[in-house]
Amino acid sequence: MSVKHIPYIGSGPYCYSNSLAMLLGKDAPSTAVIEFATSSPFGMQMVGDTPFFEPYGWTPIAGFEQAIKTMGWESTQVISKDGNEALARLREKLEKGPVFVGPVEMGNLRYHPNMDGPIGADHYVVVLGVQGDEVEIHDPEGYPYATLPLSDFMEAWSADKITYGKPYMMRTDFRRVEAVSEEDVIQRSITAGARWLRMVGEHETPPGSVGNREAAERLAALVEAGCDAKLRGHLIYFAVRVGTRRAADAATCLSRVGFDNAAEILARQARLIGSLQYSLVVEDTSRAAAALRALASTYMQLITVL
């Protein structure tokens, strides 16, 4: 007998969807639906030896245009050639309201405890204002109205350690062009999610990157071989948390529109990914590897039912 899927409500590293929801305001879909619309729950990838519970070749930027159009919105992307131009354009845009900024380097956001320099972690925030040499930010990681020296913010925004996107990216001028229900957003997003899951088309990935079954099996082997401190930290502080949340939210979304078989598989993925947290924290590598090998077969199952 299968265990009933219970929708998750709580905290988690949903910086992208939370930031976007803040900008869309009262007409924003739930963050679960926003995340679903980006296609992030549909697959797994190993970028070199770094795991992500997201589709092969996917990045937040790759899913943005699809998601915002599906939800019935438009926006303007702004990319500047250098820091001086970026700051001038940010000040100009802030006169009309808050600005969606990212990716930024989380390690330079020094209001985060223990952050004192680049760590190669991408993040998204909402910039509220620039006053003198200080920036005010809504950081969805749990820091509303955070302040930061302008120099630190500009260093974070240069994002020179982030492996995708370009420096000084921001989104502005969000405007709703069509009223779309959450159920219709989910329905509209399924085809794109299935396409990402099948890993079709060209993808900009480093040599040796793999997806889905191969990714889960490679990670299982790495974990079983010892799971060094860097890999373990990436998994327990970020990848497992966000991966579990994405799969759980996707199961909830699919069940809302009658895709019960797919929802059941994604709920199973969520349980398997979620079970990794304890195993990795206590360094029970054999149990974690077994869960990953069980996860490996679920991706083809999901392709089949979608």
Protein backbone atom coordinates (compact mmCIF):
# COMPACT_ATOMS: atom_id res chain seq x y z
CA MET A 1 0.00 0.00 0.00
CA SER A 2 1.49 3.36 -1.02
CA VAL A 3 1.80 6.15 1.53
CA LYS A 4 -0.38 9.16 0.78
CA HIS A 5 1.50 12.19 -0.48
CA ILE A 6 1.19 15.16 1.88
CA PRO A 7 1.95 18.59 0.35
CA TYR A 8 4.91 20.30 1.98
CA ILE A 9 4.62 23.79 3.46
CA GLY A 10 7.68 25.33 5.06
CA SER A 11 11.08 26.82 4.46
CA GLY A 12 13.58 25.76 1.84
CA PRO A 13 16.08 27.17 -0.68
CA TYR A 14 13.52 28.47 -3.19
CA CYS A 15 15.29 31.80 -3.76
CA TYR A 16 14.35 32.02 -7.43
CA SER A 17 10.64 31.31 -7.08
CA ASN A 18 10.30 33.30 -3.86
CA SER A 19 11.98 36.34 -5.40
CA LEU A 20 9.78 36.11 -8.47
CA ALA A 21 6.65 35.78 -6.33
CA MET A 22 7.59 38.97 -4.47
CA LEU A 23 7.82 40.88 -7.76
CA LEU A 24 4.53 39.50 -9.13
CA GLY A 25 2.74 40.56 -5.96
CA LYS A 26 -0.89 39.71 -5.20
CA ASP A 27 -1.40 38.03 -8.59
CA ALA A 28 1.55 35.66 -8.19
CA PRO A 29 0.91 31.92 -8.36
CA SER A 30 2.10 29.89 -5.39
CA THR A 31 5.83 29.21 -5.28
CA ALA A 32 5.09 25.51 -5.88
CA VAL A 33 3.40 26.40 -9.18
CA ILE A 34 6.14 28.87 -10.15
CA GLU A 35 8.81 26.23 -9.55
CA PHE A 36 6.79 23.68 -11.53
CA ALA A 37 6.47 26.12 -14.43
CA THR A 38 10.27 26.45 -14.65
CA SER A 39 10.53 22.64 -15.20
CA SER A 40 13.07 22.33 -12.38
CA PRO A 41 11.55 19.14 -10.87
CA PHE A 42 11.90 17.07 -14.05
CA GLY A 43 15.15 15.17 -13.80
CA MET A 44 18.61 15.04 -12.25
CA GLN A 45 22.03 16.05 -13.50
CA MET A 46 25.65 15.61 -12.57
CA VAL A 47 27.66 18.59 -13.79
CA GLY A 48 31.06 16.98 -13.59
CA ASP A 49 31.02 15.55 -10.08
CA THR A 50 28.50 18.08 -8.72
CA PRO A 51 24.92 16.78 -8.37
CA PHE A 52 21.72 18.74 -8.85
CA PHE A 53 18.18 17.39 -8.61
CA GLU A 54 17.05 19.27 -11.71
CA PRO A 55 16.93 18.49 -15.44
CA TYR A 56 20.03 17.80 -17.49
CA GLY A 57 21.31 21.10 -18.90
CA TRP A 58 18.79 23.16 -16.91
CA THR A 59 19.55 26.45 -15.14
CA PRO A 60 17.18 28.96 -13.52
CA ILE A 61 17.77 31.26 -16.47
CA ALA A 62 16.91 28.49 -18.95
CA GLY A 63 13.53 28.02 -17.32
CA PHE A 64 12.61 31.67 -16.83
CA GLU A 65 11.13 32.73 -20.15
CA GLN A 66 9.02 29.60 -20.41
CA ALA A 67 7.73 29.99 -16.87
CA ILE A 68 6.81 33.66 -16.95
CA LYS A 69 5.07 33.37 -20.33
CA THR A 70 3.14 30.31 -19.14
CA MET A 71 1.97 32.24 -16.08
CA GLY A 72 0.71 35.11 -18.25
CA TRP A 73 3.43 37.66 -17.54
CA GLU A 74 6.14 39.58 -19.36
CA SER A 75 9.28 41.30 -18.08
CA THR A 76 12.40 43.02 -19.34
CA GLN A 77 15.84 41.45 -18.93
CA VAL A 78 18.71 43.87 -18.46
CA ILE A 79 22.40 42.88 -18.78
CA SER A 80 25.09 45.54 -18.38
CA LYS A 81 28.61 45.55 -19.77
CA ASP A 82 30.27 46.57 -16.49
CA GLY A 83 29.60 47.47 -12.88
CA ASN A 84 29.29 51.21 -13.41
CA GLU A 85 26.64 50.79 -16.10
CA ALA A 86 24.86 48.14 -14.05
CA LEU A 87 24.64 50.35 -10.96
CA ALA A 88 23.37 53.31 -12.98
CA ARG A 89 20.67 51.19 -14.60
CA LEU A 90 19.72 49.63 -11.27
CA ARG A 91 19.24 53.07 -9.71
CA GLU A 92 17.11 54.08 -12.69
CA LYS A 93 14.91 50.98 -12.50
CA LEU A 94 14.49 51.28 -8.72
CA GLU A 95 12.67 54.57 -9.26
CA LYS A 96 9.77 52.45 -10.58
CA GLY A 97 9.94 49.77 -7.89
CA PRO A 98 11.88 46.74 -6.63
CA VAL A 99 14.13 44.80 -9.01
CA PHE A 100 14.70 41.03 -9.45
CA VAL A 101 18.48 40.51 -9.39
CA GLY A 102 20.52 37.42 -10.08
CA PRO A 103 22.34 35.26 -10.22
CA VAL A 104 24.50 36.73 -7.49
CA GLU A 105 27.29 35.07 -5.52
CA MET A 106 25.86 34.08 -2.15
CA GLY A 107 29.28 34.07 -0.51
CA ASN A 108 29.54 37.85 -0.90
CA LEU A 109 26.21 38.50 0.85
CA ARG A 110 27.88 39.04 4.19
CA TYR A 111 24.71 39.37 6.24
CA HIS A 112 24.57 35.58 5.84
CA PRO A 113 26.46 34.17 8.84
CA ASN A 114 29.87 32.67 8.01
CA MET A 115 29.93 34.10 4.49
CA ASP A 116 33.13 35.98 3.76
CA GLY A 117 33.86 35.42 0.07
CA PRO A 118 32.87 33.54 -3.08
CA ILE A 119 31.78 29.91 -2.70
CA GLY A 120 30.40 29.39 -6.23
CA ALA A 121 26.77 29.39 -5.01
CA ASP A 122 24.15 31.16 -7.14
CA HIS A 123 21.36 33.11 -5.48
CA TYR A 124 18.47 35.45 -6.37
CA VAL A 125 17.25 38.47 -4.40
CA VAL A 126 14.90 41.43 -4.66
CA VAL A 127 16.67 44.78 -4.44
CA LEU A 128 14.49 47.39 -2.73
CA GLY A 129 16.73 50.43 -2.85
CA VAL A 130 20.22 51.94 -2.97
CA GLN A 131 20.96 54.71 -0.50
CA GLY A 132 24.45 56.16 -0.58
CA ASP A 133 26.91 53.28 -0.17
CA GLU A 134 24.32 50.75 1.07
CA VAL A 135 21.83 48.40 -0.62
CA GLU A 136 18.55 47.23 0.93
CA ILE A 137 17.42 43.73 -0.04
CA HIS A 138 14.64 41.21 0.49
CA ASP A 139 16.64 37.98 0.55
CA PRO A 140 14.26 34.98 0.44
CA GLU A 141 16.76 32.82 2.30
CA GLY A 142 15.29 34.37 5.44
CA TYR A 143 16.55 37.97 5.48
CA PRO A 144 13.86 40.58 4.79
CA TYR A 145 15.10 44.18 4.63
CA ALA A 146 18.73 43.08 4.81
CA THR A 147 21.32 45.78 4.23
CA LEU A 148 24.71 45.35 2.61
CA PRO A 149 27.59 47.66 1.67
CA LEU A 150 27.28 48.59 -1.99
CA SER A 151 30.80 47.30 -2.68
CA ASP A 152 29.92 43.83 -1.39
CA PHE A 153 26.69 43.80 -3.37
CA MET A 154 28.44 44.77 -6.61
CA GLU A 155 31.02 42.06 -6.06
CA ALA A 156 28.24 39.53 -5.50
CA TRP A 157 26.40 40.76 -8.59
CA SER A 158 29.48 40.32 -10.80
CA ALA A 159 28.93 36.58 -10.22
CA ASP A 160 32.34 35.67 -11.61
CA LYS A 161 32.34 32.27 -9.89
CA ILE A 162 28.87 31.31 -11.13
CA THR A 163 28.99 28.79 -13.99
CA TYR A 164 25.96 30.08 -15.93
CA GLY A 165 24.44 33.38 -16.94
CA LYS A 166 26.28 36.69 -17.24
CA PRO A 167 27.41 39.35 -14.77
CA TYR A 168 24.95 42.05 -13.71
CA MET A 169 21.69 40.40 -14.78
CA MET A 170 18.36 41.78 -13.58
CA ARG A 171 14.67 41.62 -14.46
CA THR A 172 12.35 44.62 -14.34
CA ASP A 173 9.03 45.94 -15.64
CA PHE A 174 6.95 42.92 -14.67
CA ARG A 175 3.54 43.19 -16.28
CA ARG A 176 0.59 40.82 -16.39
CA VAL A 177 -0.75 40.27 -19.91
CA GLU A 178 -3.11 37.34 -19.28
CA ALA A 179 -4.99 35.99 -16.27
CA VAL A 180 -4.08 32.29 -15.94
CA SER A 181 -5.35 30.02 -13.18
CA GLU A 182 -2.86 27.88 -11.27
CA GLU A 183 -4.38 24.72 -12.75
CA ASP A 184 -3.91 26.10 -16.27
CA VAL A 185 -0.30 27.06 -15.50
CA ILE A 186 0.32 23.47 -14.41
CA GLN A 187 -1.38 22.03 -17.50
CA ARG A 188 0.55 24.37 -19.80
CA SER A 189 3.87 23.41 -18.19
CA ILE A 190 3.68 19.61 -18.46
CA THR A 191 4.88 19.34 -22.06
CA ALA A 192 7.96 21.47 -21.36
CA GLY A 193 8.72 19.50 -18.20
CA ALA A 194 8.49 16.22 -20.11
CA ARG A 195 10.82 17.58 -22.78
CA TRP A 196 13.44 18.51 -20.19
CA LEU A 197 13.03 15.09 -18.58
CA ARG A 198 13.76 13.36 -21.90
CA MET A 199 16.99 15.40 -22.26
CA VAL A 200 16.17 16.24 -25.89
CA GLY A 201 17.87 19.03 -27.83
CA GLU A 202 21.20 20.78 -27.36
CA HIS A 203 22.44 21.59 -23.87
CA GLU A 204 25.38 23.68 -22.72
CA THR A 205 26.95 21.35 -20.18
CA PRO A 206 30.59 20.68 -19.29
CA PRO A 207 32.15 17.54 -20.81
CA GLY A 208 31.30 14.42 -18.86
CA SER A 209 27.99 15.73 -17.52
CA VAL A 210 25.18 13.14 -17.34
CA GLY A 211 21.50 13.11 -16.50
CA ASN A 212 18.76 11.08 -14.85
CA ARG A 213 19.66 7.38 -14.33
CA GLU A 214 23.35 7.89 -15.10
CA ALA A 215 23.48 10.89 -12.77
CA ALA A 216 21.89 9.01 -9.87
CA GLU A 217 24.15 6.01 -10.38
CA ARG A 218 27.28 8.16 -10.60
CA LEU A 219 26.36 10.01 -7.42
CA ALA A 220 25.66 6.68 -5.68
CA ALA A 221 29.16 5.52 -6.56
CA LEU A 222 30.74 8.75 -5.32
CA VAL A 223 28.82 8.60 -2.05
CA GLU A 224 29.67 4.94 -1.55
CA ALA A 225 33.36 5.66 -2.17
CA GLY A 226 33.42 8.02 0.81
CA CYS A 227 31.63 11.28 -0.06
CA ASP A 228 34.23 13.98 0.60
CA ALA A 229 33.40 17.00 2.73
CA LYS A 230 32.73 19.32 -0.22
CA LEU A 231 30.25 16.96 -1.89
CA ARG A 232 28.57 16.13 1.41
CA GLY A 233 28.20 19.82 2.29
CA HIS A 234 26.70 20.64 -1.11
CA LEU A 235 24.17 17.84 -0.68
CA ILE A 236 23.07 18.38 2.92
CA TYR A 237 22.96 22.18 2.87
CA PHE A 238 21.44 22.69 -0.55
CA ALA A 239 20.90 19.99 -3.18
CA VAL A 240 18.89 17.49 -1.13
CA ARG A 241 16.70 20.19 0.43
CA VAL A 242 15.77 21.89 -2.81
CA GLY A 243 15.54 18.64 -4.77
CA THR A 244 13.11 17.12 -2.29
CA ARG A 245 10.99 20.27 -2.23
CA ARG A 246 10.84 20.44 -6.02
CA ALA A 247 9.73 16.82 -6.40
CA ALA A 248 7.18 17.12 -3.59
CA ASP A 249 5.71 20.31 -5.04
CA ALA A 250 5.59 18.76 -8.52
CA ALA A 251 3.68 15.78 -7.13
CA THR A 252 1.19 18.16 -5.55
CA CYS A 253 0.81 20.14 -8.78
CA LEU A 254 0.30 17.08 -10.96
CA SER A 255 -2.29 15.61 -8.62
CA ARG A 256 -4.28 18.87 -8.87
CA VAL A 257 -4.78 18.34 -12.61
CA GLY A 258 -5.40 14.60 -12.59
CA PHE A 259 -1.94 13.29 -13.53
CA ASP A 260 -2.08 10.81 -10.67
CA ASN A 261 0.42 8.28 -11.99
CA ALA A 262 3.06 10.92 -12.59
CA ALA A 263 2.29 12.49 -9.21
CA GLU A 264 2.84 9.13 -7.50
CA ILE A 265 6.26 8.72 -9.11
CA LEU A 266 7.34 12.25 -8.18
CA ALA A 267 6.15 11.67 -4.61
CA ARG A 268 8.35 8.56 -4.53
CA GLN A 269 11.27 10.60 -5.87
CA ALA A 270 10.68 13.17 -3.14
CA ARG A 271 10.77 10.46 -0.45
CA LEU A 272 13.97 8.92 -1.83
CA ILE A 273 15.75 12.26 -2.16
CA GLY A 274 14.46 13.39 1.24
CA SER A 275 15.74 10.20 2.88
CA LEU A 276 19.28 11.15 1.85
CA GLN A 277 19.42 14.02 4.35
CA TYR A 278 19.72 11.90 7.51
CA SER A 279 21.92 9.27 5.86
CA LEU A 280 24.39 11.89 4.65
CA VAL A 281 24.41 13.89 7.88
CA VAL A 282 25.28 10.77 9.93
CA GLU A 283 27.54 9.51 7.08
CA ASP A 284 25.62 6.30 6.45
CA THR A 285 26.94 6.15 2.89
CA SER A 286 25.67 2.66 2.07
CA ARG A 287 22.08 3.64 2.89
CA ALA A 288 22.37 6.87 0.88
CA ALA A 289 23.81 4.99 -2.11
CA ALA A 290 20.95 2.46 -1.98
CA ALA A 291 18.39 5.29 -2.06
CA LEU A 292 20.11 6.86 -5.07
CA ARG A 293 20.12 3.56 -6.96
CA ALA A 294 16.41 3.20 -6.25
CA LEU A 295 15.93 6.76 -7.52
CA ALA A 296 17.76 5.97 -10.78
CA SER A 297 14.95 3.83 -12.20
CA THR A 298 12.21 6.38 -11.48
CA TYR A 299 13.22 8.78 -14.24
CA MET A 300 12.34 6.36 -17.06
CA GLN A 301 9.13 5.50 -15.21
CA LEU A 302 8.21 9.18 -15.18
CA ILE A 303 9.05 9.57 -18.88
CA THR A 304 6.77 6.65 -19.64
CA VAL A 305 3.71 7.99 -17.82
CA LEU A 306 4.15 11.54 -19.13
